[in-house]
Amino acid sequence: MIIIQLYGGLGNQMFQYAAGRSLAYSLNTELKLDITQYREDKLRNYALSVFSMTKNVASATDLGRVRRPLAWNIKHPIKALRTVIPQNVPIRFVKERHFYFDREIFALSDNVYLDGHWQSEKYFKNIEAIIREDFTLSDEPDYLNKQMADKIRNCEAVSLHVRRGDYISNPVTTAYHGFCSEEYYHRAISKLESSVKDPHFFVFSDDPVWAKENLKSGYPTTMIDFNGSEKDYEDLRLMSLCKHHIIANSSFSWWGAWLSNNPQKIVIAPKQWFNYSDIDTKDLIPESWIRL
């Protein structure tokens, strides 16, 4: 059994699931999801239920088998008190050692609990087709999203994601993540305009007013602002239908671009993903993508 801890928003959960799925596949064992973080997280919810993948949630008994380090128990005393006395084979706790790809993960044996971000396609590139299938949405889009999907399919669509929200309003988040500058978007737009004939920009943003006022192009631009945070998975589906992509420093638009099936897609990503230079993001962006 492989147990993967889920935390963060939709994009983060997708990375975590994909890494756990890949390791479970390589070991020919089952994958279970630890979603207990969302009992206490007031800002995020478990978000993978919209996908067609098999969703096996780890039980209290499963989690009770995890042999967590003493430091974790001290940091999380309430969770430690909930631990069930294991009745069978213990599960080894493995914490992500660094942000870049760790090939030693695939040297692990069965019965492992993974805690980390795992933000590199190198963790799951070997089962890319399976991951794409797993991240197929279970339900058909509603009328408005279906109409927009048809519009996207019938033009040289470029998704452009602007994330501001908590990146701007929350000082702690701003200090850690930062945000993509207006200059970055103008350079990325110019790059796409010089590389793609007759692009049509589809803008996805939690700050559509800022995007409308600051990101202008001489080509058609459509603002996608009708889904909201409750249906962000619909935005993800629309992004994935676009032929090319300008992403933010966001795991959400990373997945929107990665899930695109266009073999000639151009993906532009920010060179600086975090404000902290000591976080090594060399394995975060696929080699074929462009960093500006």
Protein backbone atom coordinates (compact mmCIF):
# COMPACT_ATOMS: atom_id res chain seq x y z
CA MET A 1 0.00 0.00 0.00
CA ILE A 2 1.12 3.53 -0.84
CA ILE A 3 -0.55 6.39 1.06
CA ILE A 4 -0.17 9.90 -0.28
CA GLN A 5 -0.91 12.92 1.87
CA LEU A 6 -3.04 15.53 0.12
CA TYR A 7 -2.96 19.21 1.00
CA GLY A 8 -3.24 22.54 -0.78
CA GLY A 9 -5.54 23.34 -3.69
CA LEU A 10 -6.49 21.39 -6.79
CA GLY A 11 -3.14 21.73 -8.60
CA ASN A 12 -1.15 20.63 -5.55
CA GLN A 13 -3.42 17.64 -4.98
CA MET A 14 -2.99 16.58 -8.60
CA PHE A 15 0.81 16.56 -8.27
CA GLN A 16 0.62 14.57 -5.04
CA TYR A 17 -1.82 12.05 -6.46
CA ALA A 18 0.21 11.61 -9.67
CA ALA A 19 3.42 10.88 -7.75
CA GLY A 20 1.67 8.40 -5.47
CA ARG A 21 -0.08 6.75 -8.42
CA SER A 22 3.23 6.33 -10.22
CA LEU A 23 4.97 4.72 -7.25
CA ALA A 24 2.00 2.42 -6.57
CA TYR A 25 1.94 1.41 -10.23
CA SER A 26 5.66 0.61 -10.26
CA LEU A 27 5.26 -1.56 -7.14
CA ASN A 28 2.00 -3.14 -8.34
CA THR A 29 0.24 -2.13 -5.14
CA GLU A 30 -2.77 -0.03 -4.17
CA LEU A 31 -2.82 3.73 -3.65
CA LYS A 32 -4.77 5.36 -0.84
CA LEU A 33 -5.36 9.06 -0.21
CA ASP A 34 -4.91 10.74 3.17
CA ILE A 35 -7.43 13.60 3.11
CA THR A 36 -7.48 14.27 6.86
CA GLN A 37 -5.77 17.64 6.30
CA TYR A 38 -9.09 19.00 5.01
CA ARG A 39 -10.79 18.50 8.35
CA GLU A 40 -8.76 21.44 9.62
CA ASP A 41 -7.98 23.47 6.49
CA LYS A 42 -10.45 26.37 6.38
CA LEU A 43 -9.28 27.65 2.98
CA ARG A 44 -9.03 24.50 0.86
CA ASN A 45 -11.12 21.40 0.24
CA TYR A 46 -10.44 17.93 -1.05
CA ALA A 47 -10.84 18.51 -4.79
CA LEU A 48 -10.09 15.26 -6.65
CA SER A 49 -13.62 13.89 -6.42
CA VAL A 50 -14.46 15.48 -9.81
CA PHE A 51 -12.10 13.14 -11.67
CA SER A 52 -12.77 9.65 -13.01
CA MET A 53 -9.81 8.11 -11.18
CA THR A 54 -10.28 5.46 -8.50
CA LYS A 55 -10.48 7.21 -5.14
CA ASN A 56 -9.46 4.97 -2.25
CA VAL A 57 -9.36 7.03 0.94
CA ALA A 58 -7.06 5.85 3.70
CA SER A 59 -8.94 4.70 6.79
CA ALA A 60 -8.04 5.47 10.39
CA THR A 61 -6.63 1.95 10.64
CA ASP A 62 -4.46 2.52 7.56
CA LEU A 63 -3.13 5.78 8.98
CA GLY A 64 -2.55 4.16 12.34
CA ARG A 65 0.04 1.88 10.70
CA VAL A 66 2.18 4.86 9.67
CA ARG A 67 5.38 5.07 11.70
CA ARG A 68 5.78 8.83 11.88
CA PRO A 69 9.02 10.37 13.18
CA LEU A 70 9.07 11.77 16.72
CA ALA A 71 9.50 15.32 15.39
CA TRP A 72 6.18 15.01 13.52
CA ASN A 73 4.36 13.79 16.62
CA ILE A 74 5.70 16.71 18.64
CA LYS A 75 4.63 19.20 15.95
CA HIS A 76 1.17 17.61 15.57
CA PRO A 77 0.24 16.36 19.07
CA ILE A 78 -3.51 16.20 18.42
CA LYS A 79 -3.07 14.11 15.28
CA ALA A 80 -0.58 11.91 17.10
CA LEU A 81 -3.16 11.18 19.81
CA ARG A 82 -5.58 9.99 17.11
CA THR A 83 -3.10 7.41 15.88
CA VAL A 84 -4.46 3.86 16.00
CA ILE A 85 -2.25 1.11 17.37
CA PRO A 86 -1.15 -0.83 14.27
CA GLN A 87 -2.40 -4.39 14.00
CA ASN A 88 -0.17 -5.50 11.11
CA VAL A 89 2.73 -4.40 8.89
CA PRO A 90 3.87 -0.84 9.69
CA ILE A 91 4.00 1.81 6.96
CA ARG A 92 7.17 3.83 6.54
CA PHE A 93 6.83 7.64 6.63
CA VAL A 94 8.77 9.38 3.81
CA LYS A 95 9.09 13.17 3.78
CA GLU A 96 10.07 14.97 0.59
CA ARG A 97 13.76 15.90 0.95
CA HIS A 98 13.88 18.79 -1.53
CA PHE A 99 11.72 20.44 -4.18
CA TYR A 100 13.51 19.09 -7.24
CA PHE A 101 13.03 15.53 -8.50
CA ASP A 102 14.27 12.81 -6.15
CA ARG A 103 14.93 9.61 -8.11
CA GLU A 104 15.41 7.69 -4.86
CA ILE A 105 11.62 7.66 -4.45
CA PHE A 106 11.50 4.82 -6.96
CA ALA A 107 13.89 2.76 -4.85
CA LEU A 108 11.25 2.58 -2.11
CA SER A 109 9.50 -0.69 -1.34
CA ASP A 110 5.81 -1.25 -0.59
CA ASN A 111 4.02 0.14 2.48
CA VAL A 112 5.09 3.79 2.31
CA TYR A 113 3.41 7.06 3.31
CA LEU A 114 4.50 10.04 1.14
CA ASP A 115 4.43 13.60 2.49
CA GLY A 116 5.48 16.36 0.08
CA HIS A 117 4.70 18.45 -2.97
CA TRP A 118 6.29 16.18 -5.65
CA GLN A 119 6.04 18.91 -8.27
CA SER A 120 7.81 17.45 -11.28
CA GLU A 121 6.46 15.43 -14.18
CA LYS A 122 9.49 13.17 -13.72
CA TYR A 123 7.60 11.45 -10.90
CA PHE A 124 4.87 10.29 -13.29
CA LYS A 125 6.14 10.71 -16.85
CA ASN A 126 6.46 6.92 -17.07
CA ILE A 127 2.67 6.56 -16.74
CA GLU A 128 1.63 9.73 -18.56
CA ALA A 129 -1.27 8.07 -20.39
CA ILE A 130 -2.67 6.72 -17.11
CA ILE A 131 -2.43 10.11 -15.40
CA ARG A 132 -4.20 11.80 -18.31
CA GLU A 133 -6.96 9.21 -18.11
CA ASP A 134 -7.23 9.55 -14.33
CA PHE A 135 -7.60 13.32 -14.62
CA THR A 136 -10.55 13.09 -17.01
CA LEU A 137 -13.55 14.86 -15.50
CA SER A 138 -16.42 12.52 -14.65
CA ASP A 139 -19.25 14.85 -15.64
CA GLU A 140 -20.02 16.58 -18.91
CA PRO A 141 -19.67 20.39 -18.95
CA ASP A 142 -22.73 22.58 -18.50
CA TYR A 143 -24.14 24.56 -21.42
CA LEU A 144 -21.96 27.66 -20.92
CA ASN A 145 -18.73 25.66 -20.60
CA LYS A 146 -19.67 23.49 -23.58
CA GLN A 147 -20.19 26.60 -25.71
CA MET A 148 -16.82 27.97 -24.63
CA ALA A 149 -15.13 24.63 -25.27
CA ASP A 150 -16.46 24.64 -28.83
CA LYS A 151 -15.16 28.19 -29.31
CA ILE A 152 -11.72 27.17 -28.04
CA ARG A 153 -11.54 24.11 -30.31
CA ASN A 154 -12.31 26.21 -33.39
CA CYS A 155 -9.48 28.74 -33.14
CA GLU A 156 -5.78 29.00 -32.35
CA ALA A 157 -6.55 29.20 -28.65
CA VAL A 158 -3.98 30.40 -26.12
CA SER A 159 -4.79 30.06 -22.42
CA LEU A 160 -3.42 32.90 -20.30
CA HIS A 161 -3.60 32.42 -16.54
CA VAL A 162 -3.29 35.33 -14.13
CA ARG A 163 -3.24 34.44 -10.46
CA ARG A 164 -3.33 37.32 -8.04
CA GLY A 165 -5.88 36.80 -5.22
CA ASP A 166 -4.01 35.57 -2.13
CA TYR A 167 -0.70 36.09 -3.96
CA ILE A 168 -1.46 39.81 -3.60
CA SER A 169 -3.72 40.08 -0.55
CA ASN A 170 -1.97 37.73 1.89
CA PRO A 171 1.45 39.08 3.03
CA VAL A 172 2.72 35.62 3.97
CA THR A 173 1.71 34.15 0.61
CA THR A 174 3.14 37.15 -1.24
CA ALA A 175 6.47 36.79 0.56
CA TYR A 176 6.68 33.10 -0.34
CA HIS A 177 5.19 32.88 -3.83
CA GLY A 178 5.37 36.39 -5.21
CA PHE A 179 3.36 36.95 -8.38
CA CYS A 180 3.95 37.29 -12.10
CA SER A 181 4.61 40.86 -13.20
CA GLU A 182 2.81 42.76 -15.92
CA GLU A 183 6.12 42.76 -17.80
CA TYR A 184 6.20 38.94 -17.78
CA TYR A 185 2.76 38.73 -19.37
CA HIS A 186 3.57 41.34 -22.04
CA ARG A 187 6.75 39.48 -22.99
CA ALA A 188 4.89 36.16 -23.08
CA ILE A 189 2.08 37.62 -25.19
CA SER A 190 4.62 39.08 -27.65
CA LYS A 191 6.38 35.72 -27.84
CA LEU A 192 3.12 33.91 -28.67
CA GLU A 193 2.06 36.57 -31.18
CA SER A 194 5.36 36.15 -33.03
CA SER A 195 5.15 32.33 -33.00
CA VAL A 196 1.47 31.57 -33.55
CA LYS A 197 -0.62 32.70 -36.51
CA ASP A 198 -3.88 34.43 -35.51
CA PRO A 199 -3.84 33.57 -31.79
CA HIS A 200 -6.99 33.98 -29.72
CA PHE A 201 -6.24 34.59 -26.03
CA PHE A 202 -8.52 33.06 -23.40
CA VAL A 203 -7.80 34.71 -20.05
CA PHE A 204 -8.38 32.82 -16.79
CA SER A 205 -7.95 34.95 -13.68
CA ASP A 206 -9.12 35.46 -10.10
CA ASP A 207 -8.66 39.20 -10.81
CA PRO A 208 -10.39 39.74 -14.17
CA VAL A 209 -10.57 43.52 -13.70
CA TRP A 210 -6.77 43.77 -13.46
CA ALA A 211 -6.34 41.42 -16.40
CA LYS A 212 -8.72 43.42 -18.61
CA GLU A 213 -7.02 46.70 -17.77
CA ASN A 214 -3.41 45.57 -18.05
CA LEU A 215 -3.16 42.71 -20.52
CA LYS A 216 -4.12 43.90 -23.96
CA SER A 217 -3.38 42.30 -27.30
CA GLY A 218 -4.03 43.18 -30.91
CA TYR A 219 -5.66 39.77 -31.28
CA PRO A 220 -9.06 38.49 -30.06
CA THR A 221 -9.25 38.06 -26.28
CA THR A 222 -11.96 36.29 -24.30
CA MET A 223 -12.23 36.53 -20.51
CA ILE A 224 -13.29 33.31 -18.75
CA ASP A 225 -14.89 34.60 -15.55
CA PHE A 226 -18.06 32.57 -15.04
CA ASN A 227 -16.92 29.44 -13.19
CA GLY A 228 -15.50 30.82 -9.95
CA SER A 229 -13.53 28.90 -7.35
CA GLU A 230 -16.37 26.39 -6.85
CA LYS A 231 -15.99 25.13 -10.42
CA ASP A 232 -12.27 25.71 -10.98
CA TYR A 233 -12.08 22.24 -12.50
CA GLU A 234 -14.15 23.56 -15.41
CA ASP A 235 -11.52 26.25 -15.99
CA LEU A 236 -8.91 23.50 -15.92
CA ARG A 237 -10.81 21.57 -18.60
CA LEU A 238 -11.07 24.68 -20.80
CA MET A 239 -7.37 25.45 -20.33
CA SER A 240 -6.44 21.93 -21.39
CA LEU A 241 -8.37 22.37 -24.64
CA CYS A 242 -6.26 25.37 -25.65
CA LYS A 243 -3.47 24.80 -28.16
CA HIS A 244 -0.88 27.02 -26.42
CA HIS A 245 -0.40 28.36 -22.92
CA ILE A 246 0.94 31.23 -20.84
CA ILE A 247 0.93 30.05 -17.25
CA ALA A 248 1.37 31.79 -13.91
CA ASN A 249 3.59 30.57 -11.07
CA SER A 250 0.71 28.29 -10.21
CA SER A 251 0.35 24.51 -10.13
CA PHE A 252 -3.21 25.01 -11.40
CA SER A 253 -2.23 26.48 -14.78
CA TRP A 254 0.78 24.10 -14.90
CA TRP A 255 -1.75 21.28 -15.09
CA GLY A 256 -3.94 23.14 -17.56
CA ALA A 257 -0.95 23.31 -19.92
CA TRP A 258 0.33 19.79 -19.22
CA LEU A 259 -3.05 18.18 -19.90
CA SER A 260 -3.24 19.78 -23.34
CA ASN A 261 -2.90 17.10 -26.03
CA ASN A 262 -1.54 19.41 -28.73
CA PRO A 263 1.86 17.91 -29.74
CA GLN A 264 3.00 21.30 -31.10
CA LYS A 265 1.92 23.31 -28.08
CA ILE A 266 3.98 26.29 -26.95
CA VAL A 267 3.98 26.73 -23.19
CA ILE A 268 5.49 29.80 -21.57
CA ALA A 269 6.20 29.71 -17.83
CA PRO A 270 7.77 32.25 -15.45
CA LYS A 271 11.46 31.78 -14.76
CA GLN A 272 10.95 32.75 -11.12
CA TRP A 273 8.40 30.48 -9.44
CA PHE A 274 9.02 31.44 -5.81
CA ASN A 275 10.41 34.50 -4.07
CA TYR A 276 12.98 32.32 -2.32
CA SER A 277 16.05 31.60 -4.43
CA ASP A 278 17.00 28.56 -2.32
CA ILE A 279 14.05 26.54 -3.71
CA ASP A 280 15.42 24.67 -6.72
CA THR A 281 12.72 24.52 -9.42
CA LYS A 282 14.90 23.01 -12.16
CA ASP A 283 12.63 19.94 -12.49
CA LEU A 284 9.32 21.77 -12.18
CA ILE A 285 9.03 22.96 -15.78
CA PRO A 286 9.15 20.33 -18.57
CA GLU A 287 12.12 20.70 -20.92
CA SER A 288 10.01 21.62 -23.95
CA TRP A 289 8.43 24.59 -22.20
CA ILE A 290 9.85 28.13 -22.40
CA ARG A 291 10.79 30.03 -19.24
CA LEU A 292 10.71 33.84 -19.34
